[in-house]
């Protein structure tokens, strides 16, 4: 197996302190980036949405329990493999969430809908491009349409 080293660019500040499986849509949290990366947020305020990539630091993957399971452990759900669901306990505990940007400041981005608990390391923030990401009702600056014209 290949080892890969990643460095967190920041962390999540959230009112949610413990793992949970529901209710994230109403959560407003903040992605705080390290000072060395703060200038990388320039221009993000022109977007309505972003993708936030996190390291789910409290996840614990157990193949016997998690490789094939019912989502959220619900009996009404089919037993499916970990790669067919968005569960937190994964071979590589990475989270990817499309979020609505509510504000951008010096060294931070306030977002709605980020399913990450307080203190979660952030690996990356990417702007939402409809041509890639297909979030309904997203807003992006005009230059994105020009940039992506003819790509697909």
N, C-alpha and C. Protein backbone atom coordinates (compact mmCIF):
# COMPACT_ATOMS: atom_id res chain seq x y z
N UNK A 1 0.85 -1.18 0.00
CA UNK A 1 0.00 0.00 0.00
C UNK A 1 0.89 1.24 0.00
N UNK A 2 0.52 2.22 -0.77
CA UNK A 2 1.27 3.46 -0.85
C UNK A 2 0.86 4.38 0.29
N UNK A 3 1.86 4.98 0.91
CA UNK A 3 1.62 5.95 1.97
C UNK A 3 1.57 7.34 1.35
N UNK A 4 0.63 8.13 1.79
CA UNK A 4 0.47 9.49 1.28
C UNK A 4 0.44 10.43 2.48
N UNK A 5 1.22 11.48 2.40
CA UNK A 5 1.24 12.47 3.48
C UNK A 5 0.49 13.71 3.03
N UNK A 6 -0.42 14.16 3.85
CA UNK A 6 -1.17 15.39 3.59
C UNK A 6 -0.99 16.33 4.77
N UNK A 7 -1.11 17.60 4.51
CA UNK A 7 -1.01 18.61 5.56
C UNK A 7 -2.31 19.38 5.62
N UNK A 8 -2.87 19.48 6.80
CA UNK A 8 -4.10 20.26 6.97
C UNK A 8 -3.82 21.73 6.66
N UNK A 9 -4.74 22.37 5.94
CA UNK A 9 -4.62 23.80 5.66
C UNK A 9 -5.31 24.62 6.73
N UNK A 10 -6.07 23.95 7.60
CA UNK A 10 -6.80 24.63 8.65
C UNK A 10 -7.69 23.67 9.40
N UNK A 11 -8.75 24.21 10.02
CA UNK A 11 -9.65 23.38 10.81
C UNK A 11 -11.06 23.97 10.79
N UNK A 12 -12.00 23.18 11.26
CA UNK A 12 -13.40 23.59 11.33
C UNK A 12 -13.72 24.11 12.73
N UNK A 13 -14.41 25.22 12.79
CA UNK A 13 -15.01 25.71 14.03
C UNK A 13 -16.50 25.51 13.86
N UNK A 14 -17.08 24.64 14.68
CA UNK A 14 -18.49 24.27 14.54
C UNK A 14 -19.17 24.22 15.90
N UNK A 15 -20.47 24.52 15.94
CA UNK A 15 -21.21 24.35 17.19
C UNK A 15 -21.45 22.87 17.51
N UNK A 16 -21.16 21.98 16.56
CA UNK A 16 -21.36 20.54 16.77
C UNK A 16 -20.04 19.94 17.24
N UNK A 17 -20.05 19.35 18.44
CA UNK A 17 -18.82 18.83 19.03
C UNK A 17 -18.71 17.31 18.95
N UNK A 18 -19.81 16.62 18.68
CA UNK A 18 -19.79 15.15 18.63
C UNK A 18 -20.36 14.67 17.31
N UNK A 19 -19.85 13.51 16.85
CA UNK A 19 -20.31 12.93 15.60
C UNK A 19 -21.82 12.68 15.65
N UNK A 20 -22.46 12.92 14.49
CA UNK A 20 -23.87 12.62 14.35
C UNK A 20 -24.16 12.35 12.89
N UNK A 21 -25.34 11.78 12.62
CA UNK A 21 -25.68 11.37 11.26
C UNK A 21 -26.76 12.21 10.59
N UNK A 22 -27.24 13.24 11.22
CA UNK A 22 -28.33 14.02 10.62
C UNK A 22 -28.30 15.46 11.12
N UNK A 23 -29.08 16.32 10.45
CA UNK A 23 -29.25 17.70 10.89
C UNK A 23 -28.15 18.66 10.47
N UNK A 24 -27.30 18.27 9.55
CA UNK A 24 -26.18 19.12 9.15
C UNK A 24 -26.59 20.32 8.31
N UNK A 25 -27.71 20.25 7.64
CA UNK A 25 -28.12 21.32 6.74
C UNK A 25 -28.32 22.65 7.44
N UNK A 26 -28.64 22.62 8.71
CA UNK A 26 -28.88 23.85 9.47
C UNK A 26 -27.63 24.36 10.19
N UNK A 27 -26.54 23.61 10.11
CA UNK A 27 -25.32 23.97 10.84
C UNK A 27 -24.53 25.03 10.06
N UNK A 28 -24.21 26.12 10.74
CA UNK A 28 -23.31 27.13 10.18
C UNK A 28 -22.00 27.00 10.92
N UNK A 29 -20.94 26.81 10.17
CA UNK A 29 -19.62 26.66 10.77
C UNK A 29 -18.61 27.51 10.03
N UNK A 30 -17.40 27.46 10.50
CA UNK A 30 -16.35 28.28 9.90
C UNK A 30 -15.15 27.40 9.60
N UNK A 31 -14.62 27.56 8.40
CA UNK A 31 -13.35 26.94 8.04
C UNK A 31 -12.29 28.00 8.27
N UNK A 32 -11.39 27.73 9.20
CA UNK A 32 -10.33 28.67 9.53
C UNK A 32 -9.04 28.12 8.92
N UNK A 33 -8.43 28.88 8.03
CA UNK A 33 -7.20 28.42 7.39
C UNK A 33 -5.99 28.96 8.14
N UNK A 34 -4.90 28.23 8.04
CA UNK A 34 -3.65 28.67 8.66
C UNK A 34 -3.20 29.96 7.99
N UNK A 35 -2.52 30.84 8.73
CA UNK A 35 -2.09 32.12 8.16
C UNK A 35 -1.32 31.98 6.83
N UNK A 36 -0.55 30.94 6.69
CA UNK A 36 0.24 30.74 5.46
C UNK A 36 -0.66 30.55 4.24
N UNK A 37 -1.93 30.16 4.44
CA UNK A 37 -2.85 29.91 3.33
C UNK A 37 -3.95 30.95 3.20
N UNK A 38 -3.97 31.94 4.07
CA UNK A 38 -5.06 32.92 4.10
C UNK A 38 -5.26 33.63 2.76
N UNK A 39 -4.20 33.99 2.07
CA UNK A 39 -4.34 34.68 0.78
C UNK A 39 -4.97 33.79 -0.28
N UNK A 40 -4.96 32.49 -0.07
CA UNK A 40 -5.57 31.56 -1.01
C UNK A 40 -7.08 31.66 -1.07
N UNK A 41 -7.68 32.38 -0.12
CA UNK A 41 -9.14 32.56 -0.12
C UNK A 41 -9.58 33.71 -1.02
N UNK A 42 -8.64 34.48 -1.54
CA UNK A 42 -8.98 35.64 -2.37
C UNK A 42 -9.82 35.22 -3.58
N UNK A 43 -10.94 35.85 -3.79
CA UNK A 43 -11.84 35.56 -4.90
C UNK A 43 -12.94 34.57 -4.56
N UNK A 44 -12.82 33.86 -3.45
CA UNK A 44 -13.82 32.86 -3.07
C UNK A 44 -15.17 33.51 -2.74
N UNK A 45 -15.15 34.77 -2.33
CA UNK A 45 -16.40 35.47 -1.99
C UNK A 45 -17.31 35.66 -3.19
N UNK A 46 -16.81 35.47 -4.40
CA UNK A 46 -17.64 35.59 -5.60
C UNK A 46 -18.48 34.34 -5.86
N UNK A 47 -18.21 33.27 -5.14
CA UNK A 47 -18.92 32.00 -5.32
C UNK A 47 -20.02 31.85 -4.26
N UNK A 48 -21.08 31.15 -4.63
CA UNK A 48 -22.14 30.85 -3.67
C UNK A 48 -21.86 29.55 -2.92
N UNK A 49 -21.11 28.64 -3.53
CA UNK A 49 -20.85 27.32 -2.94
C UNK A 49 -19.38 26.94 -3.07
N UNK A 50 -18.97 26.02 -2.24
CA UNK A 50 -17.61 25.47 -2.31
C UNK A 50 -17.67 23.99 -1.93
N UNK A 51 -16.61 23.30 -2.23
CA UNK A 51 -16.42 21.93 -1.76
C UNK A 51 -15.35 21.98 -0.68
N UNK A 52 -15.65 21.38 0.46
CA UNK A 52 -14.69 21.34 1.56
C UNK A 52 -14.27 19.89 1.75
N UNK A 53 -12.96 19.68 1.73
CA UNK A 53 -12.39 18.34 1.92
C UNK A 53 -11.81 18.28 3.33
N UNK A 54 -12.27 17.31 4.11
CA UNK A 54 -11.85 17.20 5.51
C UNK A 54 -11.24 15.84 5.79
N UNK A 55 -10.47 15.80 6.88
CA UNK A 55 -9.94 14.55 7.42
C UNK A 55 -10.80 14.23 8.64
N UNK A 56 -11.55 13.14 8.56
CA UNK A 56 -12.50 12.78 9.63
C UNK A 56 -11.73 12.13 10.77
N UNK A 57 -11.12 12.97 11.59
CA UNK A 57 -10.15 12.56 12.61
C UNK A 57 -10.71 11.67 13.71
N UNK A 58 -12.00 11.59 13.88
CA UNK A 58 -12.56 10.71 14.90
C UNK A 58 -13.20 9.46 14.30
N UNK A 59 -13.07 9.28 13.00
CA UNK A 59 -13.62 8.09 12.36
C UNK A 59 -12.76 6.88 12.71
N UNK A 60 -13.38 5.70 12.66
CA UNK A 60 -12.67 4.46 12.98
C UNK A 60 -13.19 3.35 12.08
N UNK A 61 -12.45 3.03 11.03
CA UNK A 61 -12.87 2.01 10.08
C UNK A 61 -12.51 0.62 10.59
N UNK A 62 -13.50 -0.25 10.63
CA UNK A 62 -13.34 -1.66 10.97
C UNK A 62 -13.93 -2.44 9.81
N UNK A 63 -13.10 -3.09 8.97
CA UNK A 63 -13.64 -3.79 7.80
C UNK A 63 -14.78 -4.76 8.13
N UNK A 64 -14.68 -5.46 9.23
CA UNK A 64 -15.74 -6.41 9.58
C UNK A 64 -17.07 -5.70 9.81
N UNK A 65 -17.02 -4.49 10.31
CA UNK A 65 -18.23 -3.71 10.60
C UNK A 65 -18.64 -2.78 9.47
N UNK A 66 -17.66 -2.21 8.78
CA UNK A 66 -17.94 -1.08 7.90
C UNK A 66 -17.81 -1.34 6.40
N UNK A 67 -17.14 -2.40 5.97
CA UNK A 67 -16.92 -2.61 4.55
C UNK A 67 -18.24 -2.79 3.80
N UNK A 68 -19.15 -3.57 4.38
CA UNK A 68 -20.52 -3.71 3.87
C UNK A 68 -21.44 -3.49 5.06
N UNK A 69 -22.34 -2.54 4.93
CA UNK A 69 -23.23 -2.20 6.04
C UNK A 69 -24.47 -1.52 5.51
N UNK A 70 -25.42 -1.36 6.37
CA UNK A 70 -26.63 -0.62 6.05
C UNK A 70 -26.37 0.84 6.41
N UNK A 71 -26.60 1.75 5.48
CA UNK A 71 -26.38 3.16 5.79
C UNK A 71 -27.07 3.58 7.09
N UNK A 72 -26.28 4.27 7.91
CA UNK A 72 -26.70 4.71 9.24
C UNK A 72 -27.17 3.57 10.12
N UNK A 73 -26.90 2.32 9.70
CA UNK A 73 -27.31 1.17 10.49
C UNK A 73 -28.81 0.92 10.49
N UNK A 74 -29.52 1.53 9.57
CA UNK A 74 -30.98 1.41 9.53
C UNK A 74 -31.42 0.12 8.85
N UNK A 75 -32.27 -0.62 9.50
CA UNK A 75 -32.76 -1.90 8.96
C UNK A 75 -33.51 -1.72 7.65
N UNK A 76 -34.03 -0.54 7.41
CA UNK A 76 -34.79 -0.29 6.19
C UNK A 76 -33.90 -0.02 4.98
N UNK A 77 -32.62 0.08 5.22
CA UNK A 77 -31.67 0.35 4.15
C UNK A 77 -31.02 -0.95 3.68
N UNK A 78 -30.63 -1.03 2.40
CA UNK A 78 -29.94 -2.23 1.90
C UNK A 78 -28.50 -2.27 2.42
N UNK A 79 -27.95 -3.45 2.53
CA UNK A 79 -26.54 -3.60 2.88
C UNK A 79 -25.72 -3.31 1.63
N UNK A 80 -24.90 -2.27 1.70
CA UNK A 80 -24.08 -1.87 0.56
C UNK A 80 -22.66 -1.63 1.01
N UNK A 81 -21.75 -1.66 0.05
CA UNK A 81 -20.34 -1.42 0.34
C UNK A 81 -20.06 0.01 0.74
N UNK A 82 -18.96 0.20 1.42
CA UNK A 82 -18.59 1.53 1.91
C UNK A 82 -18.45 2.54 0.79
N UNK A 83 -18.06 2.07 -0.41
CA UNK A 83 -17.87 3.01 -1.52
C UNK A 83 -19.18 3.38 -2.22
N UNK A 84 -20.28 2.81 -1.78
CA UNK A 84 -21.60 3.14 -2.30
C UNK A 84 -22.39 4.00 -1.30
N UNK A 85 -21.69 4.55 -0.32
CA UNK A 85 -22.35 5.38 0.68
C UNK A 85 -21.40 6.45 1.18
N UNK A 86 -21.92 7.37 1.97
CA UNK A 86 -21.13 8.50 2.44
C UNK A 86 -20.80 8.40 3.93
N UNK A 87 -20.72 7.21 4.46
CA UNK A 87 -20.43 7.01 5.89
C UNK A 87 -19.07 7.58 6.27
N UNK A 88 -18.93 7.97 7.52
CA UNK A 88 -17.67 8.56 8.00
C UNK A 88 -16.59 7.52 8.26
N UNK A 89 -16.97 6.30 8.64
CA UNK A 89 -15.98 5.26 8.94
C UNK A 89 -15.60 4.56 7.63
N UNK A 90 -14.46 4.98 7.05
CA UNK A 90 -14.02 4.56 5.72
C UNK A 90 -12.55 4.15 5.77
N UNK A 91 -12.09 3.42 4.75
CA UNK A 91 -10.66 3.06 4.73
C UNK A 91 -9.75 4.29 4.84
N UNK A 92 -10.09 5.35 4.14
CA UNK A 92 -9.42 6.64 4.27
C UNK A 92 -10.48 7.64 4.69
N UNK A 93 -10.41 8.12 5.91
CA UNK A 93 -11.49 8.95 6.45
C UNK A 93 -11.50 10.38 5.91
N UNK A 94 -11.88 10.48 4.62
CA UNK A 94 -11.98 11.78 3.98
C UNK A 94 -13.44 12.18 3.84
N UNK A 95 -13.72 13.41 4.13
CA UNK A 95 -15.05 13.96 3.91
C UNK A 95 -15.00 14.97 2.78
N UNK A 96 -16.01 14.95 1.93
CA UNK A 96 -16.15 15.93 0.85
C UNK A 96 -17.58 16.44 0.91
N UNK A 97 -17.75 17.72 1.12
CA UNK A 97 -19.08 18.29 1.28
C UNK A 97 -19.25 19.55 0.44
N UNK A 98 -20.32 19.61 -0.32
CA UNK A 98 -20.70 20.84 -1.01
C UNK A 98 -21.42 21.72 0.01
N UNK A 99 -20.93 22.94 0.19
CA UNK A 99 -21.48 23.84 1.20
C UNK A 99 -21.86 25.17 0.56
N UNK A 100 -22.75 25.87 1.23
CA UNK A 100 -23.11 27.23 0.82
C UNK A 100 -22.22 28.19 1.58
N UNK A 101 -21.58 29.10 0.86
CA UNK A 101 -20.72 30.11 1.48
C UNK A 101 -21.62 31.24 1.98
N UNK A 102 -21.49 31.58 3.27
CA UNK A 102 -22.29 32.68 3.82
C UNK A 102 -21.45 33.92 4.05
N UNK A 103 -20.13 33.77 4.20
CA UNK A 103 -19.24 34.92 4.38
C UNK A 103 -17.80 34.46 4.19
N UNK A 104 -16.96 35.40 3.75
CA UNK A 104 -15.52 35.14 3.64
C UNK A 104 -14.81 36.29 4.32
N UNK A 105 -13.86 35.96 5.19
CA UNK A 105 -13.09 36.98 5.89
C UNK A 105 -11.61 36.72 5.75
N UNK A 106 -10.84 37.44 6.50
CA UNK A 106 -9.39 37.29 6.47
C UNK A 106 -9.01 35.99 7.19
N UNK A 107 -8.78 34.95 6.40
CA UNK A 107 -8.34 33.68 6.98
C UNK A 107 -9.45 32.72 7.35
N UNK A 108 -10.67 33.01 6.94
CA UNK A 108 -11.77 32.10 7.26
C UNK A 108 -12.89 32.19 6.22
N UNK A 109 -13.68 31.12 6.17
CA UNK A 109 -14.87 31.05 5.32
C UNK A 109 -16.00 30.51 6.18
N UNK A 110 -17.10 31.24 6.26
CA UNK A 110 -18.28 30.76 6.98
C UNK A 110 -19.16 30.03 5.98
N UNK A 111 -19.60 28.83 6.37
CA UNK A 111 -20.37 27.98 5.46
C UNK A 111 -21.58 27.37 6.16
N UNK A 112 -22.57 27.01 5.37
CA UNK A 112 -23.74 26.30 5.88
C UNK A 112 -23.75 24.90 5.29
N UNK A 113 -24.02 23.92 6.15
CA UNK A 113 -24.18 22.54 5.69
C UNK A 113 -22.93 21.69 5.73
N UNK A 114 -21.88 22.13 6.38
CA UNK A 114 -20.66 21.32 6.47
C UNK A 114 -20.84 20.25 7.54
N UNK A 115 -20.75 19.00 7.14
CA UNK A 115 -20.94 17.88 8.08
C UNK A 115 -19.62 17.48 8.71
N UNK A 116 -19.07 18.39 9.50
CA UNK A 116 -17.80 18.15 10.19
C UNK A 116 -17.89 18.75 11.58
N UNK A 117 -17.40 18.01 12.55
CA UNK A 117 -17.46 18.47 13.94
C UNK A 117 -16.35 19.48 14.24
N UNK A 118 -16.51 20.17 15.34
CA UNK A 118 -15.54 21.17 15.78
C UNK A 118 -14.14 20.54 15.88
N UNK A 119 -13.17 21.22 15.30
CA UNK A 119 -11.79 20.75 15.35
C UNK A 119 -11.37 19.85 14.20
N UNK A 120 -12.29 19.51 13.31
CA UNK A 120 -11.96 18.64 12.18
C UNK A 120 -10.91 19.32 11.30
N UNK A 121 -9.82 18.61 10.98
CA UNK A 121 -8.82 19.18 10.07
C UNK A 121 -9.39 19.35 8.66
N UNK A 122 -9.05 20.46 8.02
CA UNK A 122 -9.46 20.74 6.65
C UNK A 122 -8.26 20.54 5.74
N UNK A 123 -8.45 19.74 4.68
CA UNK A 123 -7.37 19.46 3.74
C UNK A 123 -7.40 20.38 2.53
N UNK A 124 -8.61 20.81 2.12
CA UNK A 124 -8.72 21.66 0.94
C UNK A 124 -10.08 22.33 0.90
N UNK A 125 -10.14 23.44 0.21
CA UNK A 125 -11.38 24.14 -0.12
C UNK A 125 -11.32 24.39 -1.62
N UNK A 126 -12.36 23.97 -2.32
CA UNK A 126 -12.42 24.16 -3.77
C UNK A 126 -13.69 24.92 -4.12
N UNK A 127 -13.61 25.85 -5.07
CA UNK A 127 -14.83 26.56 -5.47
C UNK A 127 -15.77 25.61 -6.19
N UNK A 128 -17.05 25.88 -6.04
CA UNK A 128 -18.07 25.10 -6.74
C UNK A 128 -18.14 25.56 -8.19
N UNK A 129 -17.98 24.62 -9.11
CA UNK A 129 -18.16 24.87 -10.54
C UNK A 129 -19.34 24.00 -10.98
N UNK A 130 -20.44 24.57 -11.46
CA UNK A 130 -21.57 23.75 -11.88
C UNK A 130 -21.18 22.69 -12.91
N UNK A 131 -20.23 23.03 -13.78
CA UNK A 131 -19.82 22.08 -14.81
C UNK A 131 -19.22 20.80 -14.22
N UNK A 132 -18.69 20.89 -13.02
CA UNK A 132 -18.16 19.72 -12.32
C UNK A 132 -19.13 19.16 -11.30
N UNK A 133 -19.79 20.02 -10.57
CA UNK A 133 -20.37 19.64 -9.29
C UNK A 133 -21.89 19.55 -9.20
N UNK A 134 -22.62 20.18 -10.08
CA UNK A 134 -24.07 20.06 -10.20
C UNK A 134 -24.88 20.27 -8.92
N UNK A 135 -24.61 21.32 -8.20
CA UNK A 135 -25.44 21.70 -7.06
C UNK A 135 -26.53 22.64 -7.58
N UNK A 136 -27.82 22.31 -7.36
CA UNK A 136 -28.90 23.17 -7.87
C UNK A 136 -28.81 24.59 -7.30
N UNK A 137 -29.17 25.56 -8.11
CA UNK A 137 -29.26 26.96 -7.72
C UNK A 137 -27.93 27.59 -7.29
N UNK A 138 -26.84 27.04 -7.73
CA UNK A 138 -25.54 27.62 -7.35
C UNK A 138 -25.27 28.89 -8.15
N UNK A 139 -24.50 29.78 -7.56
CA UNK A 139 -24.11 31.03 -8.22
C UNK A 139 -22.59 31.04 -8.33
N UNK A 140 -22.10 31.41 -9.48
CA UNK A 140 -20.66 31.57 -9.68
C UNK A 140 -20.43 32.84 -10.50
N UNK A 141 -19.25 33.41 -10.45
CA UNK A 141 -18.99 34.59 -11.26
C UNK A 141 -18.98 34.25 -12.76
N UNK A 142 -19.18 35.26 -13.60
CA UNK A 142 -19.31 35.06 -15.04
C UNK A 142 -18.09 34.38 -15.66
N UNK A 143 -16.92 34.60 -15.11
CA UNK A 143 -15.73 34.04 -15.73
C UNK A 143 -15.69 32.52 -15.68
N UNK A 144 -16.39 31.91 -14.76
CA UNK A 144 -16.40 30.45 -14.68
C UNK A 144 -17.04 29.86 -15.93
N UNK A 145 -18.16 30.43 -16.38
CA UNK A 145 -18.81 29.94 -17.59
C UNK A 145 -17.89 30.03 -18.79
N UNK A 146 -17.17 31.12 -18.89
CA UNK A 146 -16.23 31.29 -20.01
C UNK A 146 -15.09 30.28 -19.90
N UNK A 147 -14.58 30.09 -18.72
CA UNK A 147 -13.48 29.14 -18.51
C UNK A 147 -13.88 27.72 -18.89
N UNK A 148 -15.11 27.32 -18.56
CA UNK A 148 -15.53 25.95 -18.77
C UNK A 148 -16.22 25.70 -20.10
N UNK A 149 -16.44 26.75 -20.89
CA UNK A 149 -17.13 26.61 -22.19
C UNK A 149 -16.39 25.60 -23.07
N UNK A 150 -17.15 24.62 -23.56
CA UNK A 150 -16.57 23.60 -24.45
C UNK A 150 -15.79 22.51 -23.75
N UNK A 151 -15.68 22.56 -22.43
CA UNK A 151 -14.90 21.55 -21.71
C UNK A 151 -15.57 20.17 -21.77
N UNK A 152 -16.90 20.12 -21.62
CA UNK A 152 -17.62 18.84 -21.65
C UNK A 152 -18.42 18.72 -22.92
